[in-house]
Amino acid sequence: MDDLQKMLQSRQPKEPPQVVALKKYAKTHHGVDIAVRVSKKSYLITVPGASLAHIFRVETAKIVESCDLDKRLVIHIGY
């Protein structure tokens, strides 16, 4: 039996399907990588620029529908 330390190191965390969908949406539609954080009430995405954040805000309804989000979408600007 493997010791606990070894088991925890080899364990890969699983992302919720909504997080995977958000990252895929950003990559396929805009060609950028985004960071996604999940809280009890929202999905917080960090995009690399103000203009891109505005585009994501305009597309919020489309993103919520295509990514099947069950929480609020929050968009932050990060560099």
PDB file of N, CA and C in Angstrom:
ATOM      1  N   MET A   1       0.837  -1.180   0.000  1.00  0.00           N
ATOM      2  CA  MET A   1       0.000   0.000   0.000  1.00  0.00           C
ATOM      3  C   MET A   1       0.888   1.253   0.000  1.00  0.00           C
ATOM      4  N   ASP A   2       0.568   2.176  -0.902  1.00  0.00           N
ATOM      5  CA  ASP A   2       1.343   3.416  -0.976  1.00  0.00           C
ATOM      6  C   ASP A   2       1.108   4.263   0.262  1.00  0.00           C
ATOM      7  N   ASP A   3       2.136   4.965   0.643  1.00  0.00           N
ATOM      8  CA  ASP A   3       1.931   5.859   1.784  1.00  0.00           C
ATOM      9  C   ASP A   3       1.123   7.082   1.352  1.00  0.00           C
ATOM     10  N   LEU A   4       0.554   7.756   2.296  1.00  0.00           N
ATOM     11  CA  LEU A   4      -0.358   8.865   2.047  1.00  0.00           C
ATOM     12  C   LEU A   4       0.301  10.006   1.269  1.00  0.00           C
ATOM     13  N   GLN A   5       1.548  10.303   1.574  1.00  0.00           N
ATOM     14  CA  GLN A   5       2.273  11.375   0.891  1.00  0.00           C
ATOM     15  C   GLN A   5       2.356  11.117  -0.610  1.00  0.00           C
ATOM     16  N   LYS A   6       2.691   9.904  -0.985  1.00  0.00           N
ATOM     17  CA  LYS A   6       2.838   9.553  -2.386  1.00  0.00           C
ATOM     18  C   LYS A   6       1.496   9.608  -3.113  1.00  0.00           C
ATOM     19  N   MET A   7       0.452   9.167  -2.452  1.00  0.00           N
ATOM     20  CA  MET A   7      -0.885   9.195  -3.053  1.00  0.00           C
ATOM     21  C   MET A   7      -1.350  10.631  -3.295  1.00  0.00           C
ATOM     22  N   LEU A   8      -1.095  11.516  -2.346  1.00  0.00           N
ATOM     23  CA  LEU A   8      -1.517  12.901  -2.501  1.00  0.00           C
ATOM     24  C   LEU A   8      -0.730  13.625  -3.586  1.00  0.00           C
ATOM     25  N   GLN A   9       0.532  13.296  -3.753  1.00  0.00           N
ATOM     26  CA  GLN A   9       1.345  13.926  -4.779  1.00  0.00           C
ATOM     27  C   GLN A   9       0.916  13.499  -6.180  1.00  0.00           C
ATOM     28  N   SER A  10       0.499  12.276  -6.327  1.00  0.00           N
ATOM     29  CA  SER A  10       0.119  11.779  -7.647  1.00  0.00           C
ATOM     30  C   SER A  10      -1.325  12.106  -8.010  1.00  0.00           C
ATOM     31  N   ARG A  11      -2.092  12.570  -7.057  1.00  0.00           N
ATOM     32  CA  ARG A  11      -3.504  12.884  -7.303  1.00  0.00           C
ATOM     33  C   ARG A  11      -3.626  14.194  -8.073  1.00  0.00           C
ATOM     34  N   GLN A  12      -4.326  14.156  -9.186  1.00  0.00           N
ATOM     35  CA  GLN A  12      -4.552  15.341 -10.002  1.00  0.00           C
ATOM     36  C   GLN A  12      -5.917  15.938  -9.644  1.00  0.00           C
ATOM     37  N   PRO A  13      -5.967  17.228  -9.319  1.00  0.00           N
ATOM     38  CA  PRO A  13      -7.263  17.835  -9.018  1.00  0.00           C
ATOM     39  C   PRO A  13      -8.131  17.910 -10.279  1.00  0.00           C
ATOM     40  N   LYS A  14      -9.420  17.687 -10.105  1.00  0.00           N
ATOM     41  CA  LYS A  14     -10.334  17.724 -11.232  1.00  0.00           C
ATOM     42  C   LYS A  14     -11.083  19.050 -11.229  1.00  0.00           C
ATOM     43  N   GLU A  15     -11.082  19.708 -12.375  1.00  0.00           N
ATOM     44  CA  GLU A  15     -11.780  20.970 -12.508  1.00  0.00           C
ATOM     45  C   GLU A  15     -13.242  20.704 -12.844  1.00  0.00           C
ATOM     46  N   PRO A  16     -14.132  21.562 -12.362  1.00  0.00           N
ATOM     47  CA  PRO A  16     -15.532  21.434 -12.754  1.00  0.00           C
ATOM     48  C   PRO A  16     -15.671  21.627 -14.268  1.00  0.00           C
ATOM     49  N   PRO A  17     -16.680  21.025 -14.879  1.00  0.00           N
ATOM     50  CA  PRO A  17     -16.831  21.155 -16.333  1.00  0.00           C
ATOM     51  C   PRO A  17     -17.030  22.599 -16.788  1.00  0.00           C
ATOM     52  N   GLN A  18     -17.595  23.436 -15.930  1.00  0.00           N
ATOM     53  CA  GLN A  18     -17.783  24.840 -16.294  1.00  0.00           C
ATOM     54  C   GLN A  18     -16.443  25.562 -16.429  1.00  0.00           C
ATOM     55  N   VAL A  19     -15.491  25.238 -15.576  1.00  0.00           N
ATOM     56  CA  VAL A  19     -14.161  25.854 -15.646  1.00  0.00           C
ATOM     57  C   VAL A  19     -13.471  25.446 -16.948  1.00  0.00           C
ATOM     58  N   VAL A  20     -13.553  24.182 -17.277  1.00  0.00           N
ATOM     59  CA  VAL A  20     -12.961  23.693 -18.525  1.00  0.00           C
ATOM     60  C   VAL A  20     -13.622  24.386 -19.716  1.00  0.00           C
ATOM     61  N   ALA A  21     -14.946  24.524 -19.665  1.00  0.00           N
ATOM     62  CA  ALA A  21     -15.679  25.173 -20.757  1.00  0.00           C
ATOM     63  C   ALA A  21     -15.298  26.645 -20.892  1.00  0.00           C
ATOM     64  N   LEU A  22     -15.131  27.354 -19.780  1.00  0.00           N
ATOM     65  CA  LEU A  22     -14.729  28.762 -19.832  1.00  0.00           C
ATOM     66  C   LEU A  22     -13.348  28.925 -20.461  1.00  0.00           C
ATOM     67  N   LYS A  23     -12.411  28.088 -20.052  1.00  0.00           N
ATOM     68  CA  LYS A  23     -11.058  28.167 -20.607  1.00  0.00           C
ATOM     69  C   LYS A  23     -11.060  27.844 -22.100  1.00  0.00           C
ATOM     70  N   LYS A  24     -11.842  26.838 -22.473  1.00  0.00           N
ATOM     71  CA  LYS A  24     -11.932  26.453 -23.878  1.00  0.00           C
ATOM     72  C   LYS A  24     -12.572  27.567 -24.704  1.00  0.00           C
ATOM     73  N   TYR A  25     -13.619  28.193 -24.179  1.00  0.00           N
ATOM     74  CA  TYR A  25     -14.284  29.296 -24.875  1.00  0.00           C
ATOM     75  C   TYR A  25     -13.301  30.433 -25.140  1.00  0.00           C
ATOM     76  N   ALA A  26     -12.558  30.818 -24.130  1.00  0.00           N
ATOM     77  CA  ALA A  26     -11.599  31.913 -24.280  1.00  0.00           C
ATOM     78  C   ALA A  26     -10.520  31.572 -25.307  1.00  0.00           C
ATOM     79  N   LYS A  27     -10.068  30.346 -25.287  1.00  0.00           N
ATOM     80  CA  LYS A  27      -9.005  29.928 -26.206  1.00  0.00           C
ATOM     81  C   LYS A  27      -9.513  29.851 -27.643  1.00  0.00           C
ATOM     82  N   THR A  28     -10.694  29.283 -27.861  1.00  0.00           N
ATOM     83  CA  THR A  28     -11.181  29.106 -29.230  1.00  0.00           C
ATOM     84  C   THR A  28     -11.723  30.398 -29.842  1.00  0.00           C
ATOM     85  N   HIS A  29     -12.411  31.220 -29.063  1.00  0.00           N
ATOM     86  CA  HIS A  29     -13.016  32.424 -29.613  1.00  0.00           C
ATOM     87  C   HIS A  29     -12.077  33.628 -29.636  1.00  0.00           C
ATOM     88  N   HIS A  30     -11.151  33.706 -28.686  1.00  0.00           N
ATOM     89  CA  HIS A  30     -10.307  34.896 -28.579  1.00  0.00           C
ATOM     90  C   HIS A  30      -8.812  34.587 -28.566  1.00  0.00           C
ATOM     91  N   GLY A  31      -8.446  33.326 -28.510  1.00  0.00           N
ATOM     92  CA  GLY A  31      -7.035  32.950 -28.571  1.00  0.00           C
ATOM     93  C   GLY A  31      -6.213  33.345 -27.356  1.00  0.00           C
ATOM     94  N   VAL A  32      -6.852  33.420 -26.178  1.00  0.00           N
ATOM     95  CA  VAL A  32      -6.136  33.797 -24.964  1.00  0.00           C
ATOM     96  C   VAL A  32      -6.351  32.745 -23.881  1.00  0.00           C
ATOM     97  N   ASP A  33      -5.414  32.709 -22.956  1.00  0.00           N
ATOM     98  CA  ASP A  33      -5.560  31.873 -21.772  1.00  0.00           C
ATOM     99  C   ASP A  33      -6.078  32.746 -20.644  1.00  0.00           C
ATOM    100  N   ILE A  34      -7.022  32.221 -19.887  1.00  0.00           N
ATOM    101  CA  ILE A  34      -7.595  32.968 -18.770  1.00  0.00           C
ATOM    102  C   ILE A  34      -7.429  32.163 -17.494  1.00  0.00           C
ATOM    103  N   ALA A  35      -7.493  32.864 -16.370  1.00  0.00           N
ATOM    104  CA  ALA A  35      -7.489  32.209 -15.062  1.00  0.00           C
ATOM    105  C   ALA A  35      -8.930  32.196 -14.569  1.00  0.00           C
ATOM    106  N   VAL A  36      -9.326  31.079 -13.964  1.00  0.00           N
ATOM    107  CA  VAL A  36     -10.693  30.937 -13.467  1.00  0.00           C
ATOM    108  C   VAL A  36     -10.644  30.524 -12.008  1.00  0.00           C
ATOM    109  N   ARG A  37     -11.395  31.249 -11.176  1.00  0.00           N
ATOM    110  CA  ARG A  37     -11.548  30.881  -9.770  1.00  0.00           C
ATOM    111  C   ARG A  37     -13.026  30.656  -9.497  1.00  0.00           C
ATOM    112  N   VAL A  38     -13.305  29.672  -8.673  1.00  0.00           N
ATOM    113  CA  VAL A  38     -14.694  29.326  -8.357  1.00  0.00           C
ATOM    114  C   VAL A  38     -14.956  29.632  -6.896  1.00  0.00           C
ATOM    115  N   SER A  39     -16.064  30.305  -6.632  1.00  0.00           N
ATOM    116  CA  SER A  39     -16.510  30.540  -5.265  1.00  0.00           C
ATOM    117  C   SER A  39     -17.939  30.015  -5.137  1.00  0.00           C
ATOM    118  N   LYS A  40     -18.529  30.191  -3.975  1.00  0.00           N
ATOM    119  CA  LYS A  40     -19.885  29.696  -3.758  1.00  0.00           C
ATOM    120  C   LYS A  40     -20.900  30.364  -4.673  1.00  0.00           C
ATOM    121  N   LYS A  41     -20.670  31.649  -4.979  1.00  0.00           N
ATOM    122  CA  LYS A  41     -21.662  32.414  -5.724  1.00  0.00           C
ATOM    123  C   LYS A  41     -21.278  32.757  -7.155  1.00  0.00           C
ATOM    124  N   SER A  42     -20.007  32.555  -7.541  1.00  0.00           N
ATOM    125  CA  SER A  42     -19.616  33.041  -8.867  1.00  0.00           C
ATOM    126  C   SER A  42     -18.410  32.296  -9.438  1.00  0.00           C
ATOM    127  N   TYR A  43     -18.240  32.504 -10.752  1.00  0.00           N
ATOM    128  CA  TYR A  43     -17.025  32.118 -11.464  1.00  0.00           C
ATOM    129  C   TYR A  43     -16.300  33.410 -11.769  1.00  0.00           C
ATOM    130  N   LEU A  44     -15.097  33.566 -11.283  1.00  0.00           N
ATOM    131  CA  LEU A  44     -14.326  34.772 -11.505  1.00  0.00           C
ATOM    132  C   LEU A  44     -13.256  34.463 -12.546  1.00  0.00           C
ATOM    133  N   ILE A  45     -13.309  35.177 -13.653  1.00  0.00           N
ATOM    134  CA  ILE A  45     -12.289  34.992 -14.682  1.00  0.00           C
ATOM    135  C   ILE A  45     -11.413  36.231 -14.739  1.00  0.00           C
ATOM    136  N   THR A  46     -10.135  36.017 -14.967  1.00  0.00           N
ATOM    137  CA  THR A  46      -9.178  37.100 -15.100  1.00  0.00           C
ATOM    138  C   THR A  46      -8.654  37.078 -16.525  1.00  0.00           C
ATOM    139  N   VAL A  47      -8.893  38.171 -17.238  1.00  0.00           N
ATOM    140  CA  VAL A  47      -8.474  38.280 -18.638  1.00  0.00           C
ATOM    141  C   VAL A  47      -7.326  39.273 -18.754  1.00  0.00           C
ATOM    142  N   PRO A  48      -6.482  39.132 -19.777  1.00  0.00           N
ATOM    143  CA  PRO A  48      -5.260  39.942 -19.852  1.00  0.00           C
ATOM    144  C   PRO A  48      -5.397  41.297 -20.532  1.00  0.00           C
ATOM    145  N   GLY A  49      -6.436  42.049 -20.239  1.00  0.00           N
ATOM    146  CA  GLY A  49      -6.531  43.392 -20.807  1.00  0.00           C
ATOM    147  C   GLY A  49      -7.934  43.954 -20.716  1.00  0.00           C
ATOM    148  N   ALA A  50      -8.025  45.282 -20.711  1.00  0.00           N
ATOM    149  CA  ALA A  50      -9.311  45.943 -20.552  1.00  0.00           C
ATOM    150  C   ALA A  50     -10.212  45.747 -21.770  1.00  0.00           C
ATOM    151  N   SER A  51      -9.644  45.804 -22.959  1.00  0.00           N
ATOM    152  CA  SER A  51     -10.473  45.641 -24.153  1.00  0.00           C
ATOM    153  C   SER A  51     -11.053  44.234 -24.228  1.00  0.00           C
ATOM    154  N   LEU A  52     -10.261  43.270 -23.858  1.00  0.00           N
ATOM    155  CA  LEU A  52     -10.754  41.886 -23.849  1.00  0.00           C
ATOM    156  C   LEU A  52     -11.800  41.685 -22.752  1.00  0.00           C
ATOM    157  N   ALA A  53     -11.617  42.324 -21.619  1.00  0.00           N
ATOM    158  CA  ALA A  53     -12.611  42.254 -20.550  1.00  0.00           C
ATOM    159  C   ALA A  53     -13.940  42.832 -21.018  1.00  0.00           C
ATOM    160  N   HIS A  54     -13.886  43.923 -21.768  1.00  0.00           N
ATOM    161  CA  HIS A  54     -15.111  44.517 -22.307  1.00  0.00           C
ATOM    162  C   HIS A  54     -15.806  43.560 -23.273  1.00  0.00           C
ATOM    163  N   ILE A  55     -15.045  42.917 -24.127  1.00  0.00           N
ATOM    164  CA  ILE A  55     -15.618  41.947 -25.064  1.00  0.00           C
ATOM    165  C   ILE A  55     -16.297  40.816 -24.298  1.00  0.00           C
ATOM    166  N   PHE A  56     -15.645  40.324 -23.246  1.00  0.00           N
ATOM    167  CA  PHE A  56     -16.241  39.260 -22.440  1.00  0.00           C
ATOM    168  C   PHE A  56     -17.519  39.744 -21.754  1.00  0.00           C
ATOM    169  N   ARG A  57     -17.540  40.991 -21.313  1.00  0.00           N
ATOM    170  CA  ARG A  57     -18.744  41.532 -20.679  1.00  0.00           C
ATOM    171  C   ARG A  57     -19.892  41.630 -21.672  1.00  0.00           C
ATOM    172  N   VAL A  58     -19.595  42.027 -22.893  1.00  0.00           N
ATOM    173  CA  VAL A  58     -20.621  42.101 -23.934  1.00  0.00           C
ATOM    174  C   VAL A  58     -21.147  40.701 -24.261  1.00  0.00           C
ATOM    175  N   GLU A  59     -20.265  39.699 -24.243  1.00  0.00           N
ATOM    176  CA  GLU A  59     -20.632  38.327 -24.586  1.00  0.00           C
ATOM    177  C   GLU A  59     -21.098  37.516 -23.384  1.00  0.00           C
ATOM    178  N   THR A  60     -21.342  38.140 -22.253  1.00  0.00           N
ATOM    179  CA  THR A  60     -21.673  37.410 -21.033  1.00  0.00           C
ATOM    180  C   THR A  60     -22.852  36.454 -21.212  1.00  0.00           C
ATOM    181  N   ALA A  61     -23.921  36.904 -21.821  1.00  0.00           N
ATOM    182  CA  ALA A  61     -25.094  36.039 -22.006  1.00  0.00           C
ATOM    183  C   ALA A  61     -24.745  34.815 -22.853  1.00  0.00           C
ATOM    184  N   LYS A  62     -23.973  35.030 -23.904  1.00  0.00           N
ATOM    185  CA  LYS A  62     -23.543  33.928 -24.768  1.00  0.00           C
ATOM    186  C   LYS A  62     -22.639  32.955 -24.008  1.00  0.00           C
ATOM    187  N   ILE A  63     -21.738  33.494 -23.201  1.00  0.00           N
ATOM    188  CA  ILE A  63     -20.818  32.665 -22.426  1.00  0.00           C
ATOM    189  C   ILE A  63     -21.577  31.822 -21.403  1.00  0.00           C
ATOM    190  N   VAL A  64     -22.513  32.445 -20.690  1.00  0.00           N
ATOM    191  CA  VAL A  64     -23.289  31.730 -19.671  1.00  0.00           C
ATOM    192  C   VAL A  64     -24.056  30.575 -20.308  1.00  0.00           C
ATOM    193  N   GLU A  65     -24.623  30.819 -21.473  1.00  0.00           N
ATOM    194  CA  GLU A  65     -25.389  29.768 -22.151  1.00  0.00           C
ATOM    195  C   GLU A  65     -24.491  28.667 -22.706  1.00  0.00           C
ATOM    196  N   SER A  66     -23.421  29.040 -23.391  1.00  0.00           N
ATOM    197  CA  SER A  66     -22.575  28.032 -24.038  1.00  0.00           C
ATOM    198  C   SER A  66     -21.743  27.228 -23.036  1.00  0.00           C
ATOM    199  N   CYS A  67     -21.395  27.830 -21.910  1.00  0.00           N
ATOM    200  CA  CYS A  67     -20.594  27.117 -20.907  1.00  0.00           C
ATOM    201  C   CYS A  67     -21.463  26.486 -19.811  1.00  0.00           C
ATOM    202  N   ASP A  68     -22.760  26.688 -19.898  1.00  0.00           N
ATOM    203  CA  ASP A  68     -23.720  26.109 -18.945  1.00  0.00           C
ATOM    204  C   ASP A  68     -23.379  26.495 -17.504  1.00  0.00           C
ATOM    205  N   LEU A  69     -23.195  27.794 -17.282  1.00  0.00           N
ATOM    206  CA  LEU A  69     -22.823  28.283 -15.956  1.00  0.00           C
ATOM    207  C   LEU A  69     -24.040  28.307 -15.035  1.00  0.00           C
ATOM    208  N   ASP A  70     -23.845  27.852 -13.819  1.00  0.00           N
ATOM    209  CA  ASP A  70     -24.917  27.826 -12.832  1.00  0.00           C
ATOM    210  C   ASP A  70     -24.746  28.902 -11.761  1.00  0.00           C
ATOM    211  N   LYS A  71     -23.695  29.710 -11.922  1.00  0.00           N
ATOM    212  CA  LYS A  71     -23.413  30.808 -11.002  1.00  0.00           C
ATOM    213  C   LYS A  71     -23.143  32.067 -11.817  1.00  0.00           C
ATOM    214  N   ARG A  72     -23.045  33.170 -11.137  1.00  0.00           N
ATOM    215  CA  ARG A  72     -22.748  34.456 -11.746  1.00  0.00           C
ATOM    216  C   ARG A  72     -21.354  34.471 -12.361  1.00  0.00           C
ATOM    217  N   LEU A  73     -21.179  35.196 -13.458  1.00  0.00           N
ATOM    218  CA  LEU A  73     -19.874  35.350 -14.099  1.00  0.00           C
ATOM    219  C   LEU A  73     -19.309  36.720 -13.744  1.00  0.00           C
ATOM    220  N   VAL A  74     -18.114  36.738 -13.152  1.00  0.00           N
ATOM    221  CA  VAL A  74     -17.438  37.978 -12.778  1.00  0.00           C
ATOM    222  C   VAL A  74     -16.150  38.058 -13.596  1.00  0.00           C
ATOM    223  N   ILE A  75     -15.910  39.233 -14.170  1.00  0.00           N
ATOM    224  CA  ILE A  75     -14.743  39.409 -15.055  1.00  0.00           C
ATOM    225  C   ILE A  75     -13.812  40.451 -14.438  1.00  0.00           C
ATOM    226  N   HIS A  76     -12.548  40.069 -14.267  1.00  0.00           N
ATOM    227  CA  HIS A  76     -11.528  40.974 -13.761  1.00  0.00           C
ATOM    228  C   HIS A  76     -10.445  41.156 -14.811  1.00  0.00           C
ATOM    229  N   ILE A  77      -9.773  42.290 -14.727  1.00  0.00           N
ATOM    230  CA  ILE A  77      -8.667  42.583 -15.626  1.00  0.00           C
ATOM    231  C   ILE A  77      -7.361  42.282 -14.899  1.00  0.00           C
ATOM    232  N   GLY A  78      -6.519  41.502 -15.509  1.00  0.00           N
ATOM    233  CA  GLY A  78      -5.227  41.166 -14.925  1.00  0.00           C
ATOM    234  C   GLY A  78      -4.170  41.124 -15.997  1.00  0.00           C
ATOM    235  N   TYR A  79      -2.944  41.422 -15.634  1.00  0.00           N
ATOM    236  CA  TYR A  79      -1.866  41.453 -16.617  1.00  0.00           C
ATOM    237  C   TYR A  79      -0.834  40.413 -16.332  1.00  0.00           C
TER     238      TYR A  79
END
